[in-house]
Amino acid sequence: MNPSFENKVALVTGAGAGMGLATARAFAEAGAAVVLADFKEDAVKAAADKLIAAGHKALAVRCDVSDDAQVEAMVERTVAEFGRLDAAFNNAGVMAKIANTADSTRDEWDRVIGVNLRGVWACMKYELRQMQKQGSGAIVNNASVGALTGNPGIPAYIASKHGVVGLTRTAALEVVKQGIRVNAVNPGLIDTQVGRDVFKGDEQVYAETAKQVPIGRAGRPEEIASVVLWLCSPGASYVVGHALTVDGGMTVP
């Protein structure tokens, strides 16, 4: 399925690399004007420039999603540039430093929760205000298979992703009668730099872990992008408040 987003406007956070970049490209190739947001300004600008050179409409915006004022400005700039907001992928996130709960620090907790959970809340807050004015829109939040289970050593990350799913479900019920759908995606092991960083540069351990996924490999960022586009499309018009797991079978009981 190749949903069309002609004459639509999409916003993607964490769009400088990985799943965010793949999704921004997919939206652009499907006809949308795309706003690529990331705190790494050089990366997101280079990505947007490539899309523009390929004939797509794109805009790069530097944004730290843990800063509410920057998030508000990001949405305002999106609307100022393209006139509306039809789809958003709240993808920006960080991995926690390895430490058991008893050994973790308040600073690390605040850092991870600030981006992964409060950042998603802030993005939805301002995205929803615009979509409510329009009476339409679709949002997908990036959670994780970590939202489905525990994982020793990364308590803040796991808590943040559980929180994203709960926030998604609650917001979905708040706005569904206003023509807006909110869902989430739970990626498993995806071949991104963030995913590889979990293994501290040990490519052998990464490769062995990927082989243990039931499908026999890590997922590709483009495979998450295709799910996000479907969730934002009319084809998913009856999907509301759902966290769709895309993990190659990792969490099958």
Protein backbone atom coordinates (compact mmCIF):
# COMPACT_ATOMS: atom_id res chain seq x y z
CA MET A 1 0.00 0.00 0.00
CA ASN A 2 1.27 3.45 -0.93
CA PRO A 3 -0.93 6.09 0.70
CA SER A 4 -0.99 9.50 -0.92
CA PHE A 5 -0.36 12.65 1.06
CA GLU A 6 -0.72 15.11 -1.79
CA ASN A 7 -1.57 18.59 -0.52
CA LYS A 8 -0.94 17.45 3.06
CA VAL A 9 1.58 18.73 5.59
CA ALA A 10 3.58 16.39 7.82
CA LEU A 11 5.84 17.13 10.78
CA VAL A 12 8.53 14.70 11.97
CA THR A 13 10.67 15.16 15.05
CA GLY A 14 14.02 13.45 15.42
CA ALA A 15 14.21 13.68 11.65
CA GLY A 16 17.98 14.02 11.35
CA ALA A 17 18.60 10.28 11.15
CA GLY A 18 17.12 6.83 11.62
CA MET A 19 13.39 6.27 11.79
CA GLY A 20 12.63 9.98 11.73
CA LEU A 21 14.60 10.61 8.56
CA ALA A 22 13.13 7.56 6.84
CA THR A 23 9.62 8.70 7.73
CA ALA A 24 10.22 12.27 6.58
CA ARG A 25 11.45 10.92 3.24
CA ALA A 26 8.44 8.62 2.95
CA PHE A 27 6.02 11.48 3.61
CA ALA A 28 7.78 13.62 1.00
CA GLU A 29 7.76 10.82 -1.58
CA ALA A 30 4.04 10.37 -0.90
CA GLY A 31 3.46 14.00 -1.82
CA ALA A 32 3.42 15.80 1.53
CA ALA A 33 5.17 19.02 2.41
CA VAL A 34 7.42 17.94 5.27
CA VAL A 35 8.87 19.74 8.26
CA LEU A 36 11.96 17.96 9.57
CA ALA A 37 12.75 18.86 13.17
CA ASP A 38 15.77 17.84 15.23
CA PHE A 39 18.07 19.35 17.85
CA LYS A 40 20.96 18.53 15.50
CA GLU A 41 20.49 21.47 13.14
CA ASP A 42 23.16 20.54 10.59
CA ALA A 43 21.80 17.03 10.12
CA VAL A 44 18.21 18.08 9.67
CA LYS A 45 19.12 20.92 7.32
CA ALA A 46 21.15 18.57 5.13
CA ALA A 47 18.24 16.13 5.02
CA ALA A 48 15.76 18.85 4.09
CA ASP A 49 18.08 20.23 1.41
CA LYS A 50 18.25 16.79 -0.22
CA LEU A 51 14.49 16.53 -0.30
CA ILE A 52 14.17 20.00 -1.80
CA ALA A 53 16.80 19.16 -4.42
CA ALA A 54 14.73 16.11 -5.34
CA GLY A 55 11.71 18.32 -5.98
CA HIS A 56 9.89 17.94 -2.66
CA LYS A 57 8.60 20.61 -0.29
CA ALA A 58 10.59 20.51 2.93
CA LEU A 59 11.61 22.73 5.81
CA ALA A 60 14.27 22.14 8.47
CA VAL A 61 13.64 23.36 12.01
CA ARG A 62 15.99 23.08 14.96
CA CYS A 63 14.00 21.95 17.98
CA ASP A 64 14.80 20.47 21.37
CA VAL A 65 11.49 18.82 22.24
CA SER A 66 12.22 19.04 25.97
CA ASP A 67 11.81 22.82 25.64
CA ASP A 68 8.13 23.74 25.40
CA ALA A 69 8.83 27.12 23.84
CA GLN A 70 10.84 25.54 21.02
CA VAL A 71 8.07 23.01 20.39
CA GLU A 72 5.45 25.74 20.21
CA ALA A 73 7.65 27.69 17.79
CA MET A 74 8.17 24.56 15.67
CA VAL A 75 4.45 24.07 15.17
CA GLU A 76 3.88 27.77 14.56
CA ARG A 77 6.59 27.81 11.90
CA THR A 78 5.10 24.73 10.25
CA VAL A 79 1.72 26.44 9.93
CA ALA A 80 3.27 29.74 8.86
CA GLU A 81 5.21 28.00 6.08
CA PHE A 82 2.65 25.50 4.81
CA GLY A 83 -0.70 26.68 6.18
CA ARG A 84 -1.79 23.62 8.14
CA LEU A 85 -0.72 20.38 9.84
CA ASP A 86 -2.20 17.07 8.77
CA ALA A 87 0.17 14.44 10.16
CA ALA A 88 2.83 14.30 12.86
CA PHE A 89 5.33 11.65 13.88
CA ASN A 90 6.63 12.43 17.37
CA ASN A 91 9.78 10.39 17.09
CA ALA A 92 12.49 12.33 18.96
CA GLY A 93 13.95 10.28 21.77
CA VAL A 94 17.08 9.40 23.70
CA MET A 95 18.44 6.22 25.24
CA ALA A 96 19.22 6.08 28.94
CA LYS A 97 22.68 5.45 30.35
CA ILE A 98 22.90 1.95 31.78
CA ALA A 99 22.26 1.93 35.53
CA ASN A 100 19.91 -0.04 37.74
CA THR A 101 17.13 1.85 39.46
CA ALA A 102 18.95 2.03 42.80
CA ASP A 103 22.04 3.43 41.08
CA SER A 104 20.40 5.84 38.65
CA THR A 105 20.50 9.60 39.08
CA ARG A 106 17.87 12.32 39.14
CA ASP A 107 19.65 14.18 36.33
CA GLU A 108 19.52 11.12 34.07
CA TRP A 109 15.87 10.51 34.93
CA ASP A 110 14.98 14.11 34.11
CA ARG A 111 16.95 14.02 30.84
CA VAL A 112 15.27 10.88 29.51
CA ILE A 113 11.77 11.67 30.72
CA GLY A 114 12.17 15.27 29.49
CA VAL A 115 12.74 14.18 25.89
CA ASN A 116 10.93 10.86 25.60
CA LEU A 117 7.76 11.60 27.54
CA ARG A 118 7.44 15.30 28.30
CA GLY A 119 8.66 16.03 24.78
CA VAL A 120 5.90 13.88 23.28
CA TRP A 121 3.36 15.59 25.52
CA ALA A 122 4.57 19.05 24.42
CA CYS A 123 4.52 18.10 20.74
CA MET A 124 1.00 16.72 20.99
CA LYS A 125 -0.18 19.74 22.94
CA TYR A 126 0.66 22.18 20.16
CA GLU A 127 -0.03 19.81 17.27
CA LEU A 128 -3.49 19.06 18.65
CA ARG A 129 -4.33 22.74 19.06
CA GLN A 130 -3.70 23.26 15.34
CA MET A 131 -5.52 20.10 14.33
CA GLN A 132 -8.50 21.05 16.47
CA LYS A 133 -8.74 24.32 14.55
CA GLN A 134 -8.80 22.33 11.31
CA GLY A 135 -11.08 19.55 12.54
CA SER A 136 -8.72 16.91 11.21
CA GLY A 137 -5.32 15.32 11.62
CA ALA A 138 -3.40 12.23 12.65
CA ILE A 139 -0.57 11.81 15.14
CA VAL A 140 1.75 8.86 15.70
CA ASN A 141 4.00 8.74 18.76
CA ASN A 142 7.13 6.61 18.78
CA ALA A 143 7.09 4.34 21.81
CA SER A 144 9.00 1.03 21.88
CA VAL A 145 8.73 -2.64 22.65
CA GLY A 146 10.13 -1.32 25.92
CA ALA A 147 6.59 -0.09 26.56
CA LEU A 148 5.47 -3.70 26.82
CA THR A 149 7.91 -5.12 29.35
CA GLY A 150 10.67 -4.33 31.83
CA ASN A 151 14.36 -4.16 31.01
CA PRO A 152 16.99 -4.08 33.78
CA GLY A 153 19.38 -1.14 33.65
CA ILE A 154 17.28 1.41 31.76
CA PRO A 155 14.45 2.30 34.16
CA ALA A 156 13.94 5.85 32.90
CA TYR A 157 13.73 4.73 29.27
CA ILE A 158 11.25 1.97 30.05
CA ALA A 159 9.13 4.27 32.20
CA SER A 160 9.12 6.93 29.49
CA LYS A 161 7.93 4.51 26.82
CA HIS A 162 5.20 3.06 29.02
CA GLY A 163 4.16 6.67 29.59
CA VAL A 164 4.03 7.41 25.87
CA VAL A 165 1.54 4.61 25.32
CA GLY A 166 -0.67 5.76 28.18
CA LEU A 167 -0.52 9.35 26.97
CA THR A 168 -1.35 8.23 23.44
CA ARG A 169 -4.44 6.33 24.56
CA THR A 170 -5.68 9.19 26.69
CA ALA A 171 -5.18 11.88 24.03
CA ALA A 172 -6.80 9.62 21.44
CA LEU A 173 -10.01 9.45 23.45
CA GLU A 174 -9.98 13.20 24.05
CA VAL A 175 -9.90 14.17 20.38
CA VAL A 176 -11.36 11.30 18.37
CA LYS A 177 -14.73 13.03 18.00
CA GLN A 178 -12.97 16.11 16.63
CA GLY A 179 -11.74 14.28 13.54
CA ILE A 180 -8.27 13.59 14.95
CA ARG A 181 -6.66 10.19 15.46
CA VAL A 182 -3.75 9.53 17.81
CA ASN A 183 -1.81 6.25 17.77
CA ALA A 184 1.64 4.95 18.61
CA VAL A 185 4.18 2.55 17.16
CA ASN A 186 6.32 0.15 19.18
CA PRO A 187 9.50 -0.59 17.20
CA GLY A 188 11.66 -3.53 18.14
CA LEU A 189 15.35 -3.76 17.24
CA ILE A 190 15.77 -1.34 14.34
CA ASP A 191 19.02 -0.81 12.45
CA THR A 192 19.75 2.76 13.51
CA GLN A 193 22.76 4.35 15.16
CA VAL A 194 20.80 4.72 18.39
CA GLY A 195 19.96 1.03 18.25
CA ARG A 196 23.61 0.11 17.71
CA ASP A 197 24.75 2.44 20.50
CA VAL A 198 22.93 0.21 22.98
CA PHE A 199 25.61 -2.38 22.25
CA LYS A 200 28.45 0.09 22.85
CA GLY A 201 30.03 -0.46 19.45
CA ASP A 202 30.21 -4.24 19.77
CA GLU A 203 29.12 -5.25 16.27
CA GLN A 204 29.35 -8.95 17.07
CA VAL A 205 26.90 -8.68 19.95
CA TYR A 206 24.62 -6.52 17.80
CA ALA A 207 24.70 -9.07 14.96
CA GLU A 208 23.99 -11.97 17.31
CA THR A 209 21.10 -10.08 18.90
CA ALA A 210 19.63 -9.34 15.49
CA LYS A 211 19.81 -13.03 14.56
CA GLN A 212 17.81 -13.89 17.66
CA VAL A 213 14.84 -11.85 16.47
CA PRO A 214 12.32 -14.43 15.22
CA ILE A 215 12.38 -12.94 11.71
CA GLY A 216 16.18 -13.31 11.77
CA ARG A 217 17.29 -9.71 11.42
CA ALA A 218 16.94 -6.17 12.71
CA GLY A 219 14.21 -4.02 11.22
CA ARG A 220 14.89 -1.26 8.72
CA PRO A 221 13.90 2.36 9.45
CA GLU A 222 11.83 2.32 6.27
CA GLU A 223 9.71 -0.48 7.73
CA ILE A 224 8.71 1.79 10.61
CA ALA A 225 8.11 4.66 8.20
CA SER A 226 5.62 2.61 6.19
CA VAL A 227 3.65 1.81 9.34
CA VAL A 228 3.61 5.47 10.41
CA LEU A 229 2.32 6.57 7.01
CA TRP A 230 -0.40 3.93 7.10
CA LEU A 231 -1.48 5.02 10.59
CA CYS A 232 -1.71 8.60 9.33
CA SER A 233 -3.63 7.63 6.20
CA PRO A 234 -7.36 7.16 5.52
CA GLY A 235 -6.62 3.45 5.34
CA ALA A 236 -6.29 3.47 9.13
CA SER A 237 -9.40 5.57 9.70
CA TYR A 238 -10.80 3.16 12.33
CA VAL A 239 -7.52 2.78 14.25
CA VAL A 240 -7.64 4.92 17.39
CA GLY A 241 -5.47 4.88 20.52
CA HIS A 242 -3.55 1.82 19.39
CA ALA A 243 0.13 1.05 19.97
CA LEU A 244 1.14 -1.03 16.96
CA THR A 245 4.10 -3.30 17.65
CA VAL A 246 6.56 -3.69 14.77
CA ASP A 247 9.28 -5.96 16.05
CA GLY A 248 9.83 -8.97 13.80
CA GLY A 249 8.21 -11.23 16.39
CA MET A 250 10.35 -10.24 19.39
CA THR A 251 7.45 -9.92 21.78
CA VAL A 252 5.26 -12.76 20.54
CA PRO A 253 4.39 -14.82 23.66
